C-alpha cells in the first residue's frame, strides 16, 4: 500500500496540529504553575520583608540612642 501526496499532507497536518495543541496546553500548564509559585512566594516574602524592615528600623533607632548616650557620656568624663 502506497500513500498518496494528499495522504502524506493530511498525516503531516494532523501531527502538526496535535503538536501545536500539546504545546498550547503545556504552555498554559507551565504558566499556571509559575503563577502559583510566585503567588505563594509573595505570600511568604511580604511578611518576612515587613519583619526585616521592622527589625532594621528598631536596630537603627537603638544605634542612634547608643550614639547619643555615648556622646553624653564623653561630655561627662573629665578631660585629661
N, C-alpha and C. Protein backbone atom coordinates (compact mmCIF):
# COMPACT_ATOMS: atom_id res chain seq x y z
N UNK A 1 0.83 -1.17 0.00
CA UNK A 1 0.00 0.00 0.00
C UNK A 1 0.89 1.24 0.00
N UNK A 2 0.60 2.14 -0.87
CA UNK A 2 1.38 3.34 -1.03
C UNK A 2 0.53 4.55 -0.68
N UNK A 3 1.15 5.49 0.02
CA UNK A 3 0.43 6.71 0.39
C UNK A 3 0.54 7.75 -0.71
N UNK A 4 -0.55 8.43 -0.93
CA UNK A 4 -0.54 9.50 -1.92
C UNK A 4 -0.01 10.76 -1.24
N UNK A 5 0.27 11.74 -2.06
CA UNK A 5 0.73 13.02 -1.51
C UNK A 5 -0.33 13.65 -0.61
N UNK A 6 -1.59 13.50 -0.98
CA UNK A 6 -2.68 14.03 -0.15
C UNK A 6 -2.72 13.33 1.21
N UNK A 7 -2.50 12.01 1.21
CA UNK A 7 -2.46 11.27 2.47
C UNK A 7 -1.32 11.76 3.35
N UNK A 8 -0.16 11.92 2.75
CA UNK A 8 1.01 12.39 3.50
C UNK A 8 0.76 13.78 4.07
N UNK A 9 0.17 14.65 3.25
CA UNK A 9 -0.13 16.01 3.71
C UNK A 9 -1.13 15.97 4.86
N UNK A 10 -2.15 15.11 4.75
CA UNK A 10 -3.15 15.02 5.81
C UNK A 10 -2.53 14.52 7.11
N UNK A 11 -1.68 13.50 7.01
CA UNK A 11 -1.00 12.97 8.20
C UNK A 11 -0.08 14.03 8.81
N UNK A 12 0.67 14.71 7.96
CA UNK A 12 1.58 15.76 8.43
C UNK A 12 0.80 16.87 9.13
N UNK A 13 -0.32 17.30 8.53
CA UNK A 13 -1.15 18.34 9.14
C UNK A 13 -1.73 17.87 10.47
N UNK A 14 -2.15 16.61 10.53
CA UNK A 14 -2.71 16.07 11.77
C UNK A 14 -1.66 16.04 12.87
N UNK A 15 -0.46 15.61 12.52
CA UNK A 15 0.63 15.56 13.51
C UNK A 15 0.99 16.96 13.97
N UNK A 16 1.12 17.89 13.03
CA UNK A 16 1.45 19.27 13.40
C UNK A 16 0.36 19.90 14.26
N UNK A 17 -0.89 19.60 13.95
CA UNK A 17 -1.99 20.11 14.76
C UNK A 17 -1.96 19.56 16.18
N UNK A 18 -1.67 18.27 16.30
CA UNK A 18 -1.59 17.64 17.62
C UNK A 18 -0.42 18.23 18.42
N UNK A 19 0.69 18.45 17.76
CA UNK A 19 1.85 19.05 18.43
C UNK A 19 1.52 20.46 18.89
N UNK A 20 0.89 21.25 18.05
CA UNK A 20 0.53 22.63 18.41
C UNK A 20 -0.43 22.65 19.59
N UNK A 21 -1.40 21.74 19.58
CA UNK A 21 -2.35 21.66 20.70
C UNK A 21 -1.63 21.28 21.99
N UNK A 22 -0.72 20.32 21.90
CA UNK A 22 0.05 19.91 23.09
C UNK A 22 0.91 21.05 23.60
N UNK A 23 1.55 21.78 22.71
CA UNK A 23 2.39 22.91 23.11
C UNK A 23 1.55 23.98 23.81
N UNK A 24 0.35 24.25 23.28
CA UNK A 24 -0.53 25.24 23.89
C UNK A 24 -0.94 24.82 25.29
N UNK A 25 -1.32 23.53 25.44
CA UNK A 25 -1.72 23.03 26.75
C UNK A 25 -0.56 23.05 27.73
N UNK A 26 0.61 22.67 27.25
CA UNK A 26 1.80 22.65 28.11
C UNK A 26 2.16 24.07 28.55
N UNK A 27 2.11 25.02 27.64
CA UNK A 27 2.40 26.41 27.97
C UNK A 27 1.43 26.93 29.02
N UNK A 28 0.15 26.62 28.86
CA UNK A 28 -0.86 27.05 29.83
C UNK A 28 -0.59 26.43 31.20
N UNK A 29 -0.22 25.16 31.22
CA UNK A 29 0.06 24.48 32.49
C UNK A 29 1.29 25.09 33.16
N UNK A 30 2.31 25.37 32.39
CA UNK A 30 3.52 25.99 32.94
C UNK A 30 3.19 27.37 33.52
N UNK A 31 2.39 28.15 32.81
CA UNK A 31 2.01 29.48 33.30
C UNK A 31 1.22 29.37 34.61
N UNK A 32 0.34 28.38 34.73
CA UNK A 32 -0.41 28.19 35.97
C UNK A 32 0.53 27.86 37.13
N UNK A 33 1.51 26.99 36.87
CA UNK A 33 2.47 26.62 37.91
C UNK A 33 3.31 27.83 38.32
N UNK A 34 3.80 28.58 37.32
CA UNK A 34 4.60 29.77 37.63
C UNK A 34 3.79 30.76 38.46
N UNK A 35 2.55 30.99 38.06
CA UNK A 35 1.69 31.92 38.79
C UNK A 35 1.47 31.45 40.22
N UNK A 36 1.22 30.17 40.37
CA UNK A 36 1.01 29.60 41.70
C UNK A 36 2.26 29.75 42.57
N UNK A 37 3.41 29.44 42.01
CA UNK A 37 4.66 29.56 42.76
C UNK A 37 4.94 31.00 43.15
N UNK A 38 4.76 31.92 42.21
CA UNK A 38 5.01 33.33 42.51
C UNK A 38 4.04 33.85 43.56
N UNK A 39 2.79 33.43 43.48
CA UNK A 39 1.79 33.86 44.47
C UNK A 39 2.19 33.39 45.86
N UNK A 40 2.56 32.13 45.97
CA UNK A 40 2.96 31.59 47.27
C UNK A 40 4.24 32.26 47.78
N UNK A 41 5.17 32.54 46.88
CA UNK A 41 6.40 33.22 47.29
C UNK A 41 6.09 34.60 47.84
N UNK A 42 5.22 35.33 47.15
CA UNK A 42 4.88 36.68 47.62
C UNK A 42 4.12 36.64 48.94
N UNK A 43 3.28 35.63 49.13
CA UNK A 43 2.60 35.48 50.42
C UNK A 43 3.61 35.27 51.54
N UNK A 44 4.67 34.53 51.25
CA UNK A 44 5.69 34.24 52.25
C UNK A 44 6.64 35.43 52.43
N UNK A 45 7.03 36.06 51.31
CA UNK A 45 8.07 37.09 51.36
C UNK A 45 7.56 38.40 51.94
N UNK A 46 6.31 38.76 51.70
CA UNK A 46 5.81 40.05 52.18
C UNK A 46 5.90 40.17 53.70
N UNK A 47 5.38 39.20 54.47
CA UNK A 47 5.52 39.32 55.92
C UNK A 47 6.98 39.28 56.37
N UNK A 48 7.77 38.48 55.72
CA UNK A 48 9.19 38.39 56.07
C UNK A 48 9.88 39.72 55.84
N UNK A 49 9.57 40.36 54.72
CA UNK A 49 10.16 41.65 54.40
C UNK A 49 9.73 42.71 55.42
N UNK A 50 8.46 42.66 55.82
CA UNK A 50 7.98 43.62 56.81
C UNK A 50 8.67 43.40 58.16
N UNK A 51 8.86 42.15 58.56
CA UNK A 51 9.57 41.88 59.81
C UNK A 51 11.01 42.38 59.73
N UNK A 52 11.66 42.14 58.61
CA UNK A 52 13.04 42.60 58.44
C UNK A 52 13.10 44.12 58.50
N UNK A 53 12.13 44.79 57.87
CA UNK A 53 12.09 46.25 57.90
C UNK A 53 11.90 46.75 59.33
N UNK A 54 10.99 46.11 60.07
CA UNK A 54 10.74 46.49 61.46
C UNK A 54 12.00 46.31 62.30
N UNK A 55 12.68 45.19 62.13
CA UNK A 55 13.91 44.94 62.89
C UNK A 55 15.00 45.94 62.51
N UNK A 56 15.12 46.23 61.21
CA UNK A 56 16.11 47.20 60.75
C UNK A 56 15.85 48.56 61.40
N UNK A 57 14.59 48.97 61.41
CA UNK A 57 14.23 50.26 61.98
C UNK A 57 14.52 50.30 63.48
N UNK A 58 14.20 49.22 64.18
CA UNK A 58 14.46 49.16 65.62
C UNK A 58 15.96 49.20 65.91
N UNK A 59 16.73 48.50 65.13
CA UNK A 59 18.19 48.49 65.32
C UNK A 59 18.77 49.87 65.04
N UNK A 60 18.28 50.52 63.98
CA UNK A 60 18.75 51.87 63.68
C UNK A 60 18.44 52.82 64.83
N UNK A 61 17.23 52.74 65.37
CA UNK A 61 16.85 53.60 66.48
C UNK A 61 17.72 53.32 67.70
N UNK A 62 17.99 52.05 67.94
CA UNK A 62 18.84 51.67 69.06
C UNK A 62 20.26 52.21 68.87
N UNK A 63 20.77 52.12 67.65
CA UNK A 63 22.12 52.64 67.36
C UNK A 63 22.18 54.15 67.60
N UNK A 64 21.16 54.87 67.17
CA UNK A 64 21.13 56.32 67.37
C UNK A 64 21.08 56.66 68.86
N UNK A 65 20.31 55.89 69.60
CA UNK A 65 20.22 56.13 71.04
C UNK A 65 21.55 55.84 71.72
N UNK A 66 22.21 54.76 71.30
CA UNK A 66 23.52 54.43 71.88
C UNK A 66 24.54 55.52 71.56
N UNK A 67 24.49 56.06 70.34
CA UNK A 67 25.39 57.14 69.95
C UNK A 67 25.16 58.36 70.83
N UNK A 68 23.88 58.69 71.03
CA UNK A 68 23.55 59.85 71.86
C UNK A 68 24.04 59.64 73.29
N UNK A 69 23.86 58.45 73.84
CA UNK A 69 24.34 58.16 75.19
C UNK A 69 25.87 58.20 75.27
N UNK A 70 26.52 57.72 74.24
CA UNK A 70 27.99 57.76 74.22
C UNK A 70 28.47 59.20 74.18
N UNK A 71 27.80 60.04 73.39
CA UNK A 71 28.16 61.46 73.34
C UNK A 71 27.96 62.11 74.70
N UNK A 72 26.84 61.83 75.35
CA UNK A 72 26.58 62.39 76.68
C UNK A 72 27.62 61.90 77.68
N UNK A 73 27.96 60.63 77.59
CA UNK A 73 28.97 60.06 78.50
C UNK A 73 30.33 60.69 78.30
N UNK A 74 30.69 60.92 77.06
CA UNK A 74 32.00 61.51 76.80
C UNK A 74 32.06 62.96 77.29
N UNK A 75 30.93 63.65 77.30
CA UNK A 75 30.90 65.02 77.80
C UNK A 75 31.01 65.06 79.32
N UNK A 76 30.53 64.00 79.98
CA UNK A 76 30.59 63.94 81.43
C UNK A 76 31.95 63.50 81.95
N UNK A 77 32.72 62.77 81.15
CA UNK A 77 34.02 62.29 81.58
C UNK A 77 34.98 63.47 81.70
N UNK A 78 35.78 63.44 82.75
CA UNK A 78 36.76 64.55 82.87
C UNK A 78 37.82 64.44 81.78
N UNK A 79 38.18 65.57 81.27
CA UNK A 79 39.23 65.59 80.22
C UNK A 79 40.59 65.66 80.88
N UNK A 80 41.53 64.97 80.32
CA UNK A 80 42.86 64.96 80.90
C UNK A 80 43.83 65.71 80.04
